[in-house]
């Protein structure tokens, strides 16, 4: 199982970014996917998740209405579109899936929201 994350960077408050996570090594279309984030000195937290077929999504209260998770099963890729970014969104963002009760993580991509 391998994930390649991209799309992070430095953005001003109110700006937007789109994260991508390209997956390989498992049957992507059969598994739910998630995005987590971890800010300095804080625990890793769930940001959003999406069902295998993409029809059901869930979001942390802190990002509802600003972030959108989506997936392209033909490309084995999950996305996180982030709008109206705030300094509190600064963190390393990770994609994640669980296969047979084992969790797998990407290497993470840094998102910094600062003026």
Protein backbone atom coordinates (compact mmCIF):
# COMPACT_ATOMS: atom_id res chain seq x y z
CA UNK A 1 0.00 0.00 0.00
CA UNK A 2 1.39 3.36 -1.00
CA UNK A 3 0.09 6.91 -1.01
CA UNK A 4 1.62 9.91 -2.75
CA UNK A 5 0.23 13.18 -1.42
CA UNK A 6 0.62 16.56 -3.07
CA UNK A 7 -0.85 20.03 -3.19
CA UNK A 8 0.21 21.48 0.14
CA UNK A 9 1.94 24.81 0.54
CA UNK A 10 1.80 28.30 1.97
CA UNK A 11 -1.42 30.26 1.50
CA UNK A 12 -2.85 33.46 2.92
CA UNK A 13 -5.92 33.42 5.15
CA UNK A 14 -9.04 33.18 3.02
CA UNK A 15 -7.18 31.34 0.28
CA UNK A 16 -7.68 27.90 -1.23
CA UNK A 17 -5.70 24.73 -1.80
CA UNK A 18 -6.48 21.32 -3.28
CA UNK A 19 -4.73 18.29 -1.87
CA UNK A 20 -4.37 15.06 -3.84
CA UNK A 21 -3.54 11.55 -2.66
CA UNK A 22 -2.71 8.96 -5.32
CA UNK A 23 -3.05 5.42 -4.00
CA UNK A 24 -1.61 2.10 -5.15
CA UNK A 25 -1.17 -1.45 -3.90
CA UNK A 26 -4.80 -2.22 -3.07
CA UNK A 27 -8.26 -2.16 -4.67
CA UNK A 28 -8.88 1.55 -4.18
CA UNK A 29 -12.52 1.52 -5.33
CA UNK A 30 -13.45 -0.97 -2.59
CA UNK A 31 -12.32 1.09 0.40
CA UNK A 32 -13.33 4.24 2.22
CA UNK A 33 -10.68 6.95 2.37
CA UNK A 34 -9.98 9.68 4.90
CA UNK A 35 -7.99 12.84 5.36
CA UNK A 36 -6.47 13.57 8.78
CA UNK A 37 -4.36 16.46 9.97
CA UNK A 38 -1.92 17.07 12.78
CA UNK A 39 -0.94 20.53 13.98
CA UNK A 40 2.21 21.14 16.06
CA UNK A 41 1.67 20.01 19.64
CA UNK A 42 -1.76 18.56 18.90
CA UNK A 43 -3.15 15.09 18.31
CA UNK A 44 -3.92 13.89 14.82
CA UNK A 45 -7.58 14.52 13.98
CA UNK A 46 -10.02 13.32 11.34
CA UNK A 47 -10.84 16.03 8.82
CA UNK A 48 -13.10 14.20 6.36
CA UNK A 49 -13.90 10.78 5.03
CA UNK A 50 -15.61 9.37 1.95
CA UNK A 51 -17.22 6.02 1.25
CA UNK A 52 -15.82 3.66 -1.37
CA UNK A 53 -18.34 4.69 -4.04
CA UNK A 54 -18.10 8.33 -3.05
CA UNK A 55 -21.75 8.79 -2.16
CA UNK A 56 -21.32 9.37 1.58
CA UNK A 57 -19.02 11.94 3.13
CA UNK A 58 -18.41 13.17 6.68
CA UNK A 59 -16.60 16.24 7.95
CA UNK A 60 -15.20 17.58 11.18
CA UNK A 61 -17.32 20.46 12.47
CA UNK A 62 -14.34 22.80 12.13
CA UNK A 63 -14.19 22.36 8.33
CA UNK A 64 -17.84 21.88 7.36
CA UNK A 65 -18.87 24.22 4.57
CA UNK A 66 -15.24 25.03 3.70
CA UNK A 67 -13.64 21.69 2.76
CA UNK A 68 -14.84 19.12 0.23
CA UNK A 69 -13.57 15.56 -0.03
CA UNK A 70 -13.96 13.71 -3.33
CA UNK A 71 -12.49 10.73 -5.14
CA UNK A 72 -11.82 9.47 -8.65
CA UNK A 73 -11.83 5.68 -8.53
CA UNK A 74 -10.58 5.47 -12.13
CA UNK A 75 -7.44 7.34 -11.05
CA UNK A 76 -7.21 5.79 -7.55
CA UNK A 77 -7.01 9.30 -6.15
CA UNK A 78 -8.72 11.10 -3.29
CA UNK A 79 -8.87 14.89 -3.08
CA UNK A 80 -9.45 17.52 -0.44
CA UNK A 81 -10.52 20.93 -1.68
CA UNK A 82 -9.96 23.54 1.01
CA UNK A 83 -11.52 26.99 0.80
CA UNK A 84 -11.66 29.98 3.16
CA UNK A 85 -8.54 28.72 4.87
CA UNK A 86 -7.75 29.93 8.37
CA UNK A 87 -4.50 29.97 10.36
CA UNK A 88 -6.00 27.19 12.53
CA UNK A 89 -5.98 24.95 9.45
CA UNK A 90 -2.17 24.94 9.51
CA UNK A 91 -1.09 21.30 9.87
CA UNK A 92 0.39 18.32 8.12
CA UNK A 93 -2.40 16.61 6.19
CA UNK A 94 -2.41 12.83 5.74
CA UNK A 95 -4.53 10.49 3.69
CA UNK A 96 -5.54 7.22 5.30
CA UNK A 97 -7.34 3.98 4.74
CA UNK A 98 -7.98 0.83 6.76
CA UNK A 99 -7.49 -2.58 5.20
CA UNK A 100 -8.43 -5.61 7.28
CA UNK A 101 -8.24 -3.60 10.54
CA UNK A 102 -4.80 -2.20 9.71
CA UNK A 103 -4.41 1.52 9.11
CA UNK A 104 -2.22 2.88 6.32
CA UNK A 105 -0.97 6.46 6.10
CA UNK A 106 0.55 8.72 3.51
CA UNK A 107 3.75 10.64 4.19
CA UNK A 108 1.82 13.87 4.76
CA UNK A 109 1.78 17.24 3.04
CA UNK A 110 2.30 20.52 4.89
CA UNK A 111 -0.37 23.22 4.73
CA UNK A 112 0.55 26.59 6.21
CA UNK A 113 -2.01 29.40 6.39
CA UNK A 114 -0.31 32.68 7.19
CA UNK A 115 -0.15 36.27 6.04
